[in-house]
């Protein structure tokens, strides 16, 4: 696959950072923004002041608000929020070049359908080659050219390797895998767990509690992923454990910073006020827990987060409920079942 032009759908912080990566890899990049004022500001100032201020856009990045401007792209990166993936891809379906693969760069489970992003894309873009990009990556660091390693998952390994070569840099290293479900499951669950880790931080419960929550959260992530059809070893890599450690360890994470605010006693409305970027864990929490219930998978930490963000349970009660759960043996015992 020859890639000369790259289309990026979504001009939030992550989409803008990926546009920078594509430009530095030698591609002509068209970056689509949903908000016309964001596209206009990028064209005028050569940066994204709303979502990634202080980072000058590379010369080969062109900002646009017109979906048709991405029609000639050889490769598409879809970096819109997970809950808007279906509507956004529907908008772009008639504009994309027939042979252009679509790489899904959003992390989450769709509310209502309880589908992963690859399932959503398969419905909206039937027959199109799909890949998933996931892993431990803060947009501001990637945009500045700091080192980063991610998972590029594609059922067609040859295509996955071609996509990886097209966007790879010494500072941006995609590791290719064929476990698409594993890459998606890790990314979706880690955002929910990051809110929980933020609550631990905001409540001042200590580093021991923080480490315990990450470890038990990883067990939940793996149980759910394997039930969906993922391989446990995929979730032990960059797109699972790696992403979990990063997102649960820094307030630079939108999800963790939200949890910190909740842990300090702020309401959800107060914690979310004035934020342009989406904390995906807010939307993913009820979807992840509903999906787990459908599959018969135990995810108590994710359930606690879902109850807190829904206003059904207070932070103190959620913590008490987790700490009073029956003691268990620690063992790895995952069962693989179909979610269909």
Protein backbone atom coordinates (compact mmCIF):
# COMPACT_ATOMS: atom_id res chain seq x y z
CA UNK A 1 0.00 0.00 0.00
CA UNK A 2 1.45 3.33 -1.08
CA UNK A 3 0.53 6.16 1.28
CA UNK A 4 1.20 9.74 0.25
CA UNK A 5 -1.81 11.53 1.72
CA UNK A 6 -3.31 11.09 5.18
CA UNK A 7 -6.76 12.17 6.32
CA UNK A 8 -7.38 12.68 10.04
CA UNK A 9 -11.00 12.82 11.19
CA UNK A 10 -11.26 14.80 14.41
CA UNK A 11 -9.18 17.80 15.42
CA UNK A 12 -9.14 17.31 19.15
CA UNK A 13 -5.81 16.99 20.91
CA UNK A 14 -5.23 13.40 19.78
CA UNK A 15 -6.26 13.95 16.18
CA UNK A 16 -4.03 17.02 15.98
CA UNK A 17 -1.10 15.10 17.46
CA UNK A 18 -1.59 12.29 14.93
CA UNK A 19 -1.67 14.84 12.12
CA UNK A 20 1.72 16.03 13.32
CA UNK A 21 3.02 12.44 13.31
CA UNK A 22 1.80 11.87 9.75
CA UNK A 23 3.39 15.09 8.54
CA UNK A 24 6.74 14.24 10.14
CA UNK A 25 6.53 10.82 8.47
CA UNK A 26 6.52 12.60 5.11
CA UNK A 27 2.79 12.58 4.33
CA UNK A 28 0.50 15.34 3.10
CA UNK A 29 -2.10 15.61 5.87
CA UNK A 30 -5.65 16.95 5.86
CA UNK A 31 -7.03 17.43 9.38
CA UNK A 32 -10.83 17.69 9.61
CA UNK A 33 -12.45 19.59 12.48
CA UNK A 34 -16.12 19.22 13.36
CA UNK A 35 -16.30 22.78 14.67
CA UNK A 36 -15.88 25.37 11.88
CA UNK A 37 -14.25 27.85 14.27
CA UNK A 38 -11.57 25.29 15.18
CA UNK A 39 -10.76 24.68 11.50
CA UNK A 40 -10.64 28.42 10.87
CA UNK A 41 -8.39 29.05 13.88
CA UNK A 42 -5.96 26.35 12.79
CA UNK A 43 -5.82 27.72 9.24
CA UNK A 44 -5.25 31.25 10.53
CA UNK A 45 -2.84 30.70 13.46
CA UNK A 46 -1.16 27.41 12.39
CA UNK A 47 -1.93 25.84 15.76
CA UNK A 48 -4.95 24.37 17.52
CA UNK A 49 -5.57 26.88 20.31
CA UNK A 50 -8.72 25.14 21.54
CA UNK A 51 -7.35 21.62 22.03
CA UNK A 52 -3.55 21.68 21.68
CA UNK A 53 -2.28 25.21 22.29
CA UNK A 54 1.38 26.04 21.87
CA UNK A 55 2.11 23.38 19.25
CA UNK A 56 2.74 24.79 15.77
CA UNK A 57 1.22 22.72 12.99
CA UNK A 58 3.67 21.20 10.54
CA UNK A 59 3.74 22.84 7.10
CA UNK A 60 2.14 19.84 5.36
CA UNK A 61 -0.91 19.79 7.68
CA UNK A 62 -3.97 21.44 6.13
CA UNK A 63 -6.96 22.13 8.39
CA UNK A 64 -10.45 21.84 6.93
CA UNK A 65 -14.09 21.66 7.94
CA UNK A 66 -15.18 19.92 4.72
CA UNK A 67 -15.45 16.09 4.73
CA UNK A 68 -14.98 16.09 0.94
CA UNK A 69 -11.45 17.42 1.40
CA UNK A 70 -10.40 14.01 2.70
CA UNK A 71 -11.67 12.18 -0.41
CA UNK A 72 -8.22 11.76 -1.93
CA UNK A 73 -6.55 10.44 1.24
CA UNK A 74 -4.80 7.08 0.93
CA UNK A 75 -5.19 6.38 4.64
CA UNK A 76 -7.71 7.64 7.22
CA UNK A 77 -7.20 8.00 10.98
CA UNK A 78 -10.54 8.39 12.80
CA UNK A 79 -9.86 10.26 16.04
CA UNK A 80 -13.34 11.55 16.90
CA UNK A 81 -14.84 10.69 20.35
CA UNK A 82 -16.08 7.12 20.66
CA UNK A 83 -19.71 8.08 21.21
CA UNK A 84 -19.66 10.10 17.97
CA UNK A 85 -17.83 7.50 15.88
CA UNK A 86 -20.97 6.10 14.24
CA UNK A 87 -22.42 9.46 13.20
CA UNK A 88 -19.03 10.80 12.06
CA UNK A 89 -18.17 7.76 9.94
CA UNK A 90 -21.68 7.89 8.48
CA UNK A 91 -20.99 11.47 7.39
CA UNK A 92 -17.69 10.44 5.78
CA UNK A 93 -18.85 7.17 4.19
CA UNK A 94 -19.60 8.72 0.78
CA UNK A 95 -16.49 10.89 0.77
CA UNK A 96 -13.71 8.38 1.42
CA UNK A 97 -11.61 6.81 -1.34
CA UNK A 98 -12.83 3.20 -1.81
CA UNK A 99 -9.42 1.69 -1.10
CA UNK A 100 -8.44 3.81 1.90
CA UNK A 101 -8.14 1.80 5.13
CA UNK A 102 -9.60 3.40 8.25
CA UNK A 103 -7.62 3.31 11.49
CA UNK A 104 -9.80 3.76 14.57
CA UNK A 105 -8.08 5.93 17.16
CA UNK A 106 -10.89 6.36 19.72
CA UNK A 107 -11.26 4.22 22.82
CA UNK A 108 -14.63 3.19 24.16
CA UNK A 109 -17.78 1.09 23.99
CA UNK A 110 -20.77 2.60 22.22
CA UNK A 111 -23.71 3.23 24.51
CA UNK A 112 -26.91 1.48 23.50
CA UNK A 113 -25.43 -1.01 21.06
CA UNK A 114 -22.56 -1.96 23.44
CA UNK A 115 -20.35 -2.36 20.38
CA UNK A 116 -16.63 -1.81 20.08
CA UNK A 117 -15.51 0.80 17.58
CA UNK A 118 -14.49 -1.85 15.04
CA UNK A 119 -18.02 -3.29 15.14
CA UNK A 120 -19.47 0.18 14.63
CA UNK A 121 -17.14 0.79 11.68
CA UNK A 122 -17.99 -2.58 10.13
CA UNK A 123 -21.67 -1.61 10.10
CA UNK A 124 -21.15 1.92 8.77
CA UNK A 125 -18.32 1.12 6.33
CA UNK A 126 -19.03 -2.48 5.23
CA UNK A 127 -16.19 -4.15 3.38
CA UNK A 128 -13.61 -1.50 4.23
CA UNK A 129 -10.27 -2.48 5.77
CA UNK A 130 -10.21 -1.49 9.46
CA UNK A 131 -7.35 -1.22 11.94
CA UNK A 132 -7.09 0.03 15.52
CA UNK A 133 -4.44 2.30 17.03
CA UNK A 134 -4.17 2.14 20.81
CA UNK A 135 -1.58 2.38 23.54
CA UNK A 136 0.02 4.62 26.17
CA UNK A 137 0.11 8.03 24.53
CA UNK A 138 -0.54 11.56 25.75
CA UNK A 139 -1.40 13.84 22.85
CA UNK A 140 0.73 16.77 24.02
CA UNK A 141 3.81 14.56 24.31
CA UNK A 142 3.28 12.92 20.92
CA UNK A 143 2.75 16.32 19.30
CA UNK A 144 6.05 17.54 20.78
CA UNK A 145 7.89 14.53 19.34
CA UNK A 146 8.58 12.76 22.64
CA UNK A 147 9.06 8.97 22.39
CA UNK A 148 5.92 6.83 22.30
CA UNK A 149 5.11 3.19 21.54
CA UNK A 150 1.62 2.02 20.53
CA UNK A 151 -0.23 -1.01 19.21
CA UNK A 152 -1.45 -1.05 15.60
CA UNK A 153 -3.94 -3.93 15.42
CA UNK A 154 -5.25 -5.22 12.11
CA UNK A 155 -6.69 -8.62 11.17
CA UNK A 156 -4.61 -8.43 7.97
CA UNK A 157 -1.05 -8.37 9.28
CA UNK A 158 0.42 -7.35 5.94
CA UNK A 159 -1.87 -4.33 5.83
CA UNK A 160 -1.12 -3.57 9.47
CA UNK A 161 2.60 -3.57 8.76
CA UNK A 162 2.09 -1.27 5.75
CA UNK A 163 0.09 1.19 7.83
CA UNK A 164 2.69 1.07 10.59
CA UNK A 165 5.49 1.81 8.14
CA UNK A 166 3.53 4.76 6.72
CA UNK A 167 3.19 6.57 10.06
CA UNK A 168 6.20 5.31 12.01
CA UNK A 169 8.88 7.65 13.31
CA UNK A 170 11.88 7.04 15.57
CA UNK A 171 9.78 8.74 18.27
CA UNK A 172 6.47 7.08 17.32
CA UNK A 173 6.76 3.29 17.23
CA UNK A 174 3.68 1.24 16.21
CA UNK A 175 3.93 -2.44 17.17
CA UNK A 176 1.74 -4.54 14.87
CA UNK A 177 -0.75 -7.11 16.19
CA UNK A 178 -3.70 -9.01 14.74
CA UNK A 179 -5.86 -8.99 17.90
CA UNK A 180 -8.20 -6.10 17.13
CA UNK A 181 -10.60 -6.92 19.96
CA UNK A 182 -7.76 -7.03 22.47
CA UNK A 183 -6.51 -3.60 21.40
CA UNK A 184 -10.00 -2.15 21.73
CA UNK A 185 -10.96 -3.80 25.01
CA UNK A 186 -7.88 -2.48 26.78
CA UNK A 187 -8.45 1.07 25.57
CA UNK A 188 -12.11 1.10 26.54
CA UNK A 189 -11.74 -0.27 30.07
CA UNK A 190 -8.64 1.70 31.07
CA UNK A 191 -10.51 5.02 30.84
CA UNK A 192 -13.04 3.81 33.41
CA UNK A 193 -10.31 2.54 35.71
CA UNK A 194 -8.46 5.85 35.40
CA UNK A 195 -11.43 7.63 36.96
CA UNK A 196 -11.24 5.20 39.87
CA UNK A 197 -7.51 5.81 40.27
CA UNK A 198 -8.17 9.53 40.27
CA UNK A 199 -10.66 9.10 43.10
CA UNK A 200 -7.99 7.22 45.08
CA UNK A 201 -5.57 10.09 44.47
CA UNK A 202 -8.09 12.81 45.25
CA UNK A 203 -9.18 11.05 48.43
CA UNK A 204 -5.59 10.66 49.62
CA UNK A 205 -5.84 6.89 50.00
CA UNK A 206 -2.14 6.32 49.31
CA UNK A 207 0.14 4.65 46.80
CA UNK A 208 -0.60 1.15 48.09
CA UNK A 209 -4.29 1.57 47.31
CA UNK A 210 -3.37 3.04 43.93
CA UNK A 211 -1.21 0.02 43.03
CA UNK A 212 -3.83 -2.41 44.26
CA UNK A 213 -6.54 -0.74 42.20
CA UNK A 214 -4.44 -0.80 39.02
CA UNK A 215 -3.70 -4.50 39.52
CA UNK A 216 -7.27 -5.53 40.27
CA UNK A 217 -8.47 -3.24 37.49
CA UNK A 218 -6.16 -5.01 35.09
CA UNK A 219 -7.77 -8.29 36.12
CA UNK A 220 -11.18 -6.83 35.23
CA UNK A 221 -9.85 -5.60 31.90
CA UNK A 222 -8.43 -9.01 31.08
CA UNK A 223 -11.57 -10.92 32.12
CA UNK A 224 -13.76 -8.74 29.96
CA UNK A 225 -11.36 -8.73 27.03
CA UNK A 226 -11.02 -12.51 26.98
CA UNK A 227 -14.81 -12.90 27.23
CA UNK A 228 -15.07 -10.71 24.12
CA UNK A 229 -12.63 -12.94 22.26
CA UNK A 230 -9.33 -11.16 22.92
CA UNK A 231 -6.08 -12.86 23.84
CA UNK A 232 -4.85 -12.26 27.39
CA UNK A 233 -1.29 -11.63 26.15
CA UNK A 234 -2.53 -8.72 24.03
CA UNK A 235 -3.94 -7.07 27.13
CA UNK A 236 -0.61 -7.54 28.89
CA UNK A 237 1.01 -5.34 26.23
CA UNK A 238 1.00 -1.69 25.21
CA UNK A 239 -2.73 -1.42 24.43
CA UNK A 240 -3.78 -2.92 27.77
CA UNK A 241 -1.41 -2.81 30.71
CA UNK A 242 0.76 -0.11 29.16
CA UNK A 243 -2.15 2.23 28.52
CA UNK A 244 -3.62 1.45 31.94
CA UNK A 245 -0.41 2.36 33.78
CA UNK A 246 -0.04 5.67 31.92
CA UNK A 247 -3.67 6.77 32.22
CA UNK A 248 -3.89 5.82 35.90
CA UNK A 249 -0.63 7.51 36.89
CA UNK A 250 -0.86 11.13 35.77
CA UNK A 251 -3.40 13.95 36.14
CA UNK A 252 -2.49 14.78 32.52
CA UNK A 253 -5.06 12.07 31.80
CA UNK A 254 -8.49 13.65 31.42
CA UNK A 255 -10.09 10.62 33.06
CA UNK A 256 -7.78 10.57 36.04
CA UNK A 257 -8.08 14.32 36.56
CA UNK A 258 -11.86 13.93 36.59
CA UNK A 259 -11.54 11.22 39.22
CA UNK A 260 -9.23 13.40 41.32
CA UNK A 261 -11.87 16.14 41.34
CA UNK A 262 -14.57 13.66 42.34
CA UNK A 263 -12.33 12.28 45.07
CA UNK A 264 -11.84 15.79 46.45
CA UNK A 265 -15.56 16.21 46.81
CA UNK A 266 -16.49 18.07 43.63
CA UNK A 267 -19.71 17.19 41.85
CA UNK A 268 -19.56 15.77 38.35
CA UNK A 269 -20.84 19.07 36.99
CA UNK A 270 -18.14 21.00 38.86
CA UNK A 271 -15.43 18.57 37.77
CA UNK A 272 -16.50 18.81 34.11
CA UNK A 273 -17.11 22.56 33.96
CA UNK A 274 -15.12 24.42 31.32
CA UNK A 275 -13.60 21.27 29.82
CA UNK A 276 -13.55 21.12 26.01
CA UNK A 277 -11.98 17.66 25.73
CA UNK A 278 -14.04 14.58 26.49
CA UNK A 279 -13.25 12.24 29.40
CA UNK A 280 -14.20 9.08 27.53
CA UNK A 281 -14.53 7.09 30.76
CA UNK A 282 -17.72 8.99 31.61
CA UNK A 283 -19.52 7.52 28.61
CA UNK A 284 -17.70 4.20 28.63
CA UNK A 285 -18.42 3.37 32.29
CA UNK A 286 -22.13 2.52 31.87
CA UNK A 287 -21.48 0.84 28.50
CA UNK A 288 -18.58 -1.27 29.83
CA UNK A 289 -20.57 -2.42 32.86
CA UNK A 290 -23.63 -3.23 30.77
CA UNK A 291 -21.46 -5.24 28.38
CA UNK A 292 -19.86 -7.07 31.31
CA UNK A 293 -23.30 -7.95 32.71
CA UNK A 294 -24.33 -9.27 29.31
CA UNK A 295 -21.27 -11.53 29.29
CA UNK A 296 -21.50 -12.54 32.95
CA UNK A 297 -18.12 -10.96 33.77
CA UNK A 298 -17.41 -9.54 37.24
CA UNK A 299 -16.11 -5.94 37.05
CA UNK A 300 -16.70 -4.41 40.50
CA UNK A 301 -14.37 -1.42 40.06
CA UNK A 302 -15.95 -0.44 36.75
CA UNK A 303 -19.40 -0.89 38.30
CA UNK A 304 -18.46 1.40 41.20
CA UNK A 305 -17.31 4.10 38.76
CA UNK A 306 -20.50 3.77 36.72
CA UNK A 307 -22.62 4.19 39.84
CA UNK A 308 -20.66 7.25 40.99
CA UNK A 309 -20.80 9.08 37.64
CA UNK A 310 -24.52 8.25 37.34
CA UNK A 311 -25.13 9.80 40.76
CA UNK A 312 -26.45 6.50 42.13
CA UNK A 313 -23.71 6.12 44.76
CA UNK A 314 -21.48 8.56 46.62
CA UNK A 315 -17.70 8.26 46.50
CA UNK A 316 -17.42 7.17 50.14
CA UNK A 317 -20.08 4.49 49.74
CA UNK A 318 -18.45 3.18 46.56
CA UNK A 319 -15.08 2.91 48.32
CA UNK A 320 -16.65 1.17 51.34
CA UNK A 321 -18.47 -1.30 49.08
CA UNK A 322 -15.25 -2.25 47.29
CA UNK A 323 -13.28 -2.64 50.51
CA UNK A 324 -15.96 -4.81 52.10
CA UNK A 325 -16.13 -7.34 49.27
CA UNK A 326 -15.47 -10.96 50.31
CA UNK A 327 -11.84 -12.08 50.32
CA UNK A 328 -10.81 -14.30 47.43
CA UNK A 329 -7.91 -16.35 46.18
CA UNK A 330 -5.79 -14.54 43.61
CA UNK A 331 -5.74 -16.65 40.51
CA UNK A 332 -5.79 -16.24 36.77
CA UNK A 333 -8.82 -18.05 35.41
CA UNK A 334 -10.34 -16.51 32.33
CA UNK A 335 -13.10 -18.04 30.32
CA UNK A 336 -13.56 -17.36 26.64
CA UNK A 337 -17.15 -16.98 25.49
CA UNK A 338 -18.87 -15.39 22.53
CA UNK A 339 -20.63 -12.06 23.05
CA UNK A 340 -23.04 -12.79 20.26
